[in-house]
């Protein structure tokens, strides 16, 4: 199975303090329905938790490879990301 990605981020050689900002910046540039491929040297589970807190159901997450030396994850922007509502359905306007 092959997938097209809007971006591929191999962060294995990136300084740890630069990784998450780089990933979130790349995610923000995605259009709904697009995804990026993340390549890492460890399970990025803490990043998943951050996406959950920041984006709720506006992202998708699928492991393409799960170690032990390389982890590849497909992170997508879902249609829910197009909502202009600040509270997930209970607008605060």
N, C-alpha and C. Protein backbone atom coordinates (compact mmCIF):
# COMPACT_ATOMS: atom_id res chain seq x y z
N UNK A 1 0.85 -1.17 0.00
CA UNK A 1 0.00 0.00 0.00
C UNK A 1 0.89 1.24 0.00
N UNK A 2 0.65 2.17 -0.92
CA UNK A 2 1.42 3.40 -0.92
C UNK A 2 0.49 4.57 -0.63
N UNK A 3 1.04 5.56 -0.01
CA UNK A 3 0.27 6.75 0.31
C UNK A 3 1.05 7.97 -0.15
N UNK A 4 0.33 8.98 -0.56
CA UNK A 4 0.98 10.24 -0.89
C UNK A 4 0.89 11.14 0.32
N UNK A 5 1.99 11.77 0.62
CA UNK A 5 2.05 12.66 1.77
C UNK A 5 2.34 14.07 1.28
N UNK A 6 1.72 15.05 1.92
CA UNK A 6 2.01 16.44 1.61
C UNK A 6 3.42 16.80 2.07
N UNK A 7 3.89 16.10 3.10
CA UNK A 7 5.24 16.33 3.63
C UNK A 7 5.73 15.06 4.31
N UNK A 8 7.03 14.88 4.32
CA UNK A 8 7.67 13.82 5.09
C UNK A 8 8.68 14.48 5.99
N UNK A 9 8.53 14.24 7.29
CA UNK A 9 9.44 14.81 8.29
C UNK A 9 10.24 13.70 8.93
N UNK A 10 11.51 13.63 8.62
CA UNK A 10 12.41 12.69 9.27
C UNK A 10 13.10 13.48 10.37
N UNK A 11 12.64 13.30 11.60
CA UNK A 11 13.13 14.14 12.70
C UNK A 11 14.22 13.46 13.52
N UNK A 12 14.73 12.37 13.04
CA UNK A 12 15.74 11.64 13.81
C UNK A 12 17.00 12.45 14.05
N UNK A 13 17.34 13.37 13.17
CA UNK A 13 18.56 14.16 13.33
C UNK A 13 18.27 15.59 13.81
N UNK A 14 17.01 15.87 14.15
CA UNK A 14 16.61 17.20 14.60
C UNK A 14 16.75 17.27 16.12
N UNK A 15 17.22 18.39 16.63
CA UNK A 15 17.34 18.57 18.08
C UNK A 15 15.97 18.39 18.74
N UNK A 16 15.92 17.66 19.85
CA UNK A 16 14.63 17.36 20.49
C UNK A 16 13.74 18.58 20.74
N UNK A 17 14.31 19.70 21.15
CA UNK A 17 13.48 20.86 21.46
C UNK A 17 12.89 21.51 20.20
N UNK A 18 13.35 21.12 19.03
CA UNK A 18 12.83 21.67 17.77
C UNK A 18 11.80 20.76 17.11
N UNK A 19 11.70 19.54 17.58
CA UNK A 19 10.87 18.55 16.88
C UNK A 19 9.38 18.89 16.89
N UNK A 20 8.78 19.03 18.07
CA UNK A 20 7.33 19.23 18.13
C UNK A 20 6.91 20.53 17.45
N UNK A 21 7.60 21.66 17.66
CA UNK A 21 7.21 22.86 16.91
C UNK A 21 7.25 22.65 15.40
N UNK A 22 8.26 21.95 14.90
CA UNK A 22 8.37 21.68 13.47
C UNK A 22 7.18 20.85 12.99
N UNK A 23 6.83 19.84 13.76
CA UNK A 23 5.72 18.95 13.38
C UNK A 23 4.40 19.71 13.37
N UNK A 24 4.14 20.48 14.43
CA UNK A 24 2.88 21.23 14.49
C UNK A 24 2.81 22.29 13.40
N UNK A 25 3.92 22.95 13.08
CA UNK A 25 3.93 23.92 11.99
C UNK A 25 3.61 23.24 10.67
N UNK A 26 4.17 22.08 10.43
CA UNK A 26 3.88 21.34 9.19
C UNK A 26 2.42 20.90 9.15
N UNK A 27 1.90 20.46 10.28
CA UNK A 27 0.50 20.04 10.35
C UNK A 27 -0.42 21.21 10.01
N UNK A 28 -0.11 22.39 10.52
CA UNK A 28 -0.94 23.57 10.27
C UNK A 28 -1.03 23.92 8.79
N UNK A 29 -0.01 23.60 8.02
CA UNK A 29 -0.02 23.92 6.59
C UNK A 29 -0.84 22.93 5.77
N UNK A 30 -1.21 21.80 6.37
CA UNK A 30 -1.99 20.80 5.64
C UNK A 30 -3.40 21.30 5.36
N UNK A 31 -3.93 20.89 4.23
CA UNK A 31 -5.34 21.10 3.93
C UNK A 31 -6.12 19.89 4.45
N UNK A 32 -7.40 20.06 4.78
CA UNK A 32 -8.19 18.90 5.20
C UNK A 32 -8.09 17.78 4.16
N UNK A 33 -7.86 16.58 4.63
CA UNK A 33 -7.70 15.43 3.76
C UNK A 33 -6.25 15.11 3.44
N UNK A 34 -5.34 16.03 3.71
CA UNK A 34 -3.92 15.77 3.48
C UNK A 34 -3.29 15.20 4.74
N UNK A 35 -2.12 14.58 4.55
CA UNK A 35 -1.40 14.03 5.69
C UNK A 35 0.10 14.20 5.50
N UNK A 36 0.79 14.05 6.60
CA UNK A 36 2.24 14.06 6.56
C UNK A 36 2.74 12.75 7.14
N UNK A 37 3.95 12.40 6.76
CA UNK A 37 4.59 11.20 7.29
C UNK A 37 5.69 11.66 8.25
N UNK A 38 5.64 11.12 9.45
CA UNK A 38 6.64 11.41 10.46
C UNK A 38 7.53 10.19 10.62
N UNK A 39 8.84 10.40 10.59
CA UNK A 39 9.81 9.32 10.80
C UNK A 39 10.59 9.67 12.06
N UNK A 40 10.63 8.74 13.00
CA UNK A 40 11.25 9.01 14.29
C UNK A 40 12.03 7.79 14.77
N UNK A 41 12.88 7.98 15.77
CA UNK A 41 13.69 6.89 16.31
C UNK A 41 13.10 6.29 17.59
N UNK A 42 11.92 6.76 17.98
CA UNK A 42 11.21 6.19 19.13
C UNK A 42 9.71 6.40 18.93
N UNK A 43 8.92 5.71 19.73
CA UNK A 43 7.47 5.83 19.64
C UNK A 43 7.05 7.26 20.01
N UNK A 44 6.38 7.98 19.10
CA UNK A 44 6.01 9.36 19.38
C UNK A 44 4.69 9.49 20.14
N UNK A 45 4.40 8.58 21.03
CA UNK A 45 3.15 8.61 21.80
C UNK A 45 2.92 9.94 22.51
N UNK A 46 3.94 10.57 23.13
CA UNK A 46 3.68 11.89 23.75
C UNK A 46 3.19 12.93 22.73
N UNK A 47 3.66 12.83 21.50
CA UNK A 47 3.20 13.74 20.45
C UNK A 47 1.73 13.49 20.15
N UNK A 48 1.33 12.22 20.12
CA UNK A 48 -0.08 11.88 19.92
C UNK A 48 -0.93 12.54 20.99
N UNK A 49 -0.49 12.45 22.24
CA UNK A 49 -1.23 13.06 23.34
C UNK A 49 -1.35 14.57 23.16
N UNK A 50 -0.29 15.21 22.68
CA UNK A 50 -0.35 16.65 22.42
C UNK A 50 -1.33 16.97 21.30
N UNK A 51 -1.34 16.15 20.25
CA UNK A 51 -2.31 16.36 19.18
C UNK A 51 -3.73 16.22 19.72
N UNK A 52 -3.97 15.24 20.58
CA UNK A 52 -5.29 15.06 21.17
C UNK A 52 -5.72 16.31 21.91
N UNK A 53 -4.83 16.88 22.71
CA UNK A 53 -5.16 18.07 23.48
C UNK A 53 -5.37 19.29 22.57
N UNK A 54 -4.56 19.43 21.56
CA UNK A 54 -4.61 20.61 20.69
C UNK A 54 -5.68 20.53 19.62
N UNK A 55 -5.86 19.34 19.06
CA UNK A 55 -6.66 19.23 17.84
C UNK A 55 -7.91 18.37 17.96
N UNK A 56 -8.06 17.65 19.06
CA UNK A 56 -9.25 16.82 19.22
C UNK A 56 -9.45 15.87 18.06
N UNK A 57 -10.62 15.98 17.40
CA UNK A 57 -10.91 15.08 16.29
C UNK A 57 -10.53 15.67 14.94
N UNK A 58 -9.69 16.71 14.94
CA UNK A 58 -9.28 17.35 13.70
C UNK A 58 -8.01 16.72 13.11
N UNK A 59 -7.57 15.59 13.67
CA UNK A 59 -6.40 14.91 13.13
C UNK A 59 -6.63 13.41 13.15
N UNK A 60 -5.87 12.72 12.31
CA UNK A 60 -5.87 11.25 12.32
C UNK A 60 -4.43 10.81 12.55
N UNK A 61 -4.29 9.59 13.06
CA UNK A 61 -2.97 9.07 13.45
C UNK A 61 -2.94 7.60 13.10
N UNK A 62 -1.98 7.19 12.29
CA UNK A 62 -1.86 5.78 11.93
C UNK A 62 -0.39 5.39 11.90
N UNK A 63 -0.06 4.36 12.67
CA UNK A 63 1.30 3.84 12.63
C UNK A 63 1.51 3.09 11.33
N UNK A 64 2.55 3.43 10.61
CA UNK A 64 2.94 2.73 9.39
C UNK A 64 4.05 1.73 9.67
N UNK A 65 4.85 2.03 10.68
CA UNK A 65 5.93 1.16 11.14
C UNK A 65 6.13 1.46 12.63
N UNK A 66 6.22 0.42 13.43
CA UNK A 66 6.29 0.60 14.88
C UNK A 66 7.52 -0.06 15.48
N UNK A 67 8.68 0.48 15.13
CA UNK A 67 9.94 0.06 15.74
C UNK A 67 10.39 -1.32 15.34
N UNK A 68 11.41 -1.78 15.98
CA UNK A 68 12.02 -1.22 17.18
C UNK A 68 13.02 -0.10 16.92
N UNK A 69 13.48 0.08 15.69
CA UNK A 69 14.47 1.12 15.43
C UNK A 69 13.88 2.36 14.78
N UNK A 70 12.84 2.18 13.98
CA UNK A 70 12.22 3.29 13.26
C UNK A 70 10.71 3.24 13.46
N UNK A 71 10.15 4.40 13.72
CA UNK A 71 8.69 4.55 13.79
C UNK A 71 8.29 5.49 12.67
N UNK A 72 7.29 5.09 11.91
CA UNK A 72 6.72 5.95 10.88
C UNK A 72 5.24 6.10 11.18
N UNK A 73 4.78 7.34 11.18
CA UNK A 73 3.39 7.64 11.52
C UNK A 73 2.81 8.54 10.44
N UNK A 74 1.60 8.23 10.04
CA UNK A 74 0.86 9.11 9.14
C UNK A 74 -0.05 9.96 10.01
N UNK A 75 0.13 11.28 9.92
CA UNK A 75 -0.69 12.23 10.68
C UNK A 75 -1.48 13.04 9.66
N UNK A 76 -2.79 12.96 9.74
CA UNK A 76 -3.64 13.63 8.76
C UNK A 76 -4.48 14.72 9.38
N UNK A 77 -4.88 15.66 8.54
CA UNK A 77 -5.82 16.71 8.95
C UNK A 77 -7.19 16.29 8.43
N UNK A 78 -8.14 16.15 9.33
CA UNK A 78 -9.47 15.68 8.96
C UNK A 78 -10.38 16.86 8.60
N UNK A 79 -11.55 16.53 8.09
CA UNK A 79 -12.53 17.56 7.74
C UNK A 79 -12.96 18.35 8.97
N UNK A 80 -12.88 17.75 10.15
CA UNK A 80 -13.25 18.46 11.38
C UNK A 80 -12.37 19.67 11.60
N UNK A 81 -11.21 19.69 10.98
CA UNK A 81 -10.28 20.81 11.14
C UNK A 81 -10.81 22.09 10.48
N UNK A 82 -11.83 21.98 9.65
CA UNK A 82 -12.37 23.15 8.95
C UNK A 82 -13.38 23.91 9.79
N UNK A 83 -13.78 23.36 10.90
CA UNK A 83 -14.79 24.01 11.73
C UNK A 83 -14.26 25.33 12.27
N UNK A 84 -15.08 26.38 12.20
CA UNK A 84 -14.71 27.69 12.76
C UNK A 84 -15.15 27.81 14.20
N UNK A 85 -15.79 26.82 14.70
CA UNK A 85 -16.32 26.88 16.06
C UNK A 85 -15.20 26.60 17.06
N UNK A 86 -15.15 27.38 18.10
CA UNK A 86 -14.04 27.28 19.05
C UNK A 86 -14.23 26.20 20.10
N UNK A 87 -15.41 25.62 20.19
CA UNK A 87 -15.64 24.67 21.27
C UNK A 87 -16.20 23.35 20.80
N UNK A 88 -15.94 23.00 19.56
CA UNK A 88 -16.35 21.69 19.06
C UNK A 88 -17.84 21.52 18.90
N UNK A 89 -18.58 22.60 18.63
CA UNK A 89 -20.00 22.47 18.40
C UNK A 89 -20.84 23.38 19.25
N UNK A 90 -20.35 23.82 20.36
CA UNK A 90 -21.08 24.75 21.22
C UNK A 90 -20.43 26.13 21.05
N UNK A 91 -20.78 26.78 19.95
CA UNK A 91 -20.10 28.03 19.60
C UNK A 91 -20.21 29.08 20.70
N UNK A 92 -19.14 29.84 20.80
CA UNK A 92 -19.06 30.81 21.88
C UNK A 92 -19.07 32.23 21.31
N UNK A 93 -19.94 32.50 20.38
CA UNK A 93 -19.93 33.79 19.74
C UNK A 93 -20.94 34.69 20.24
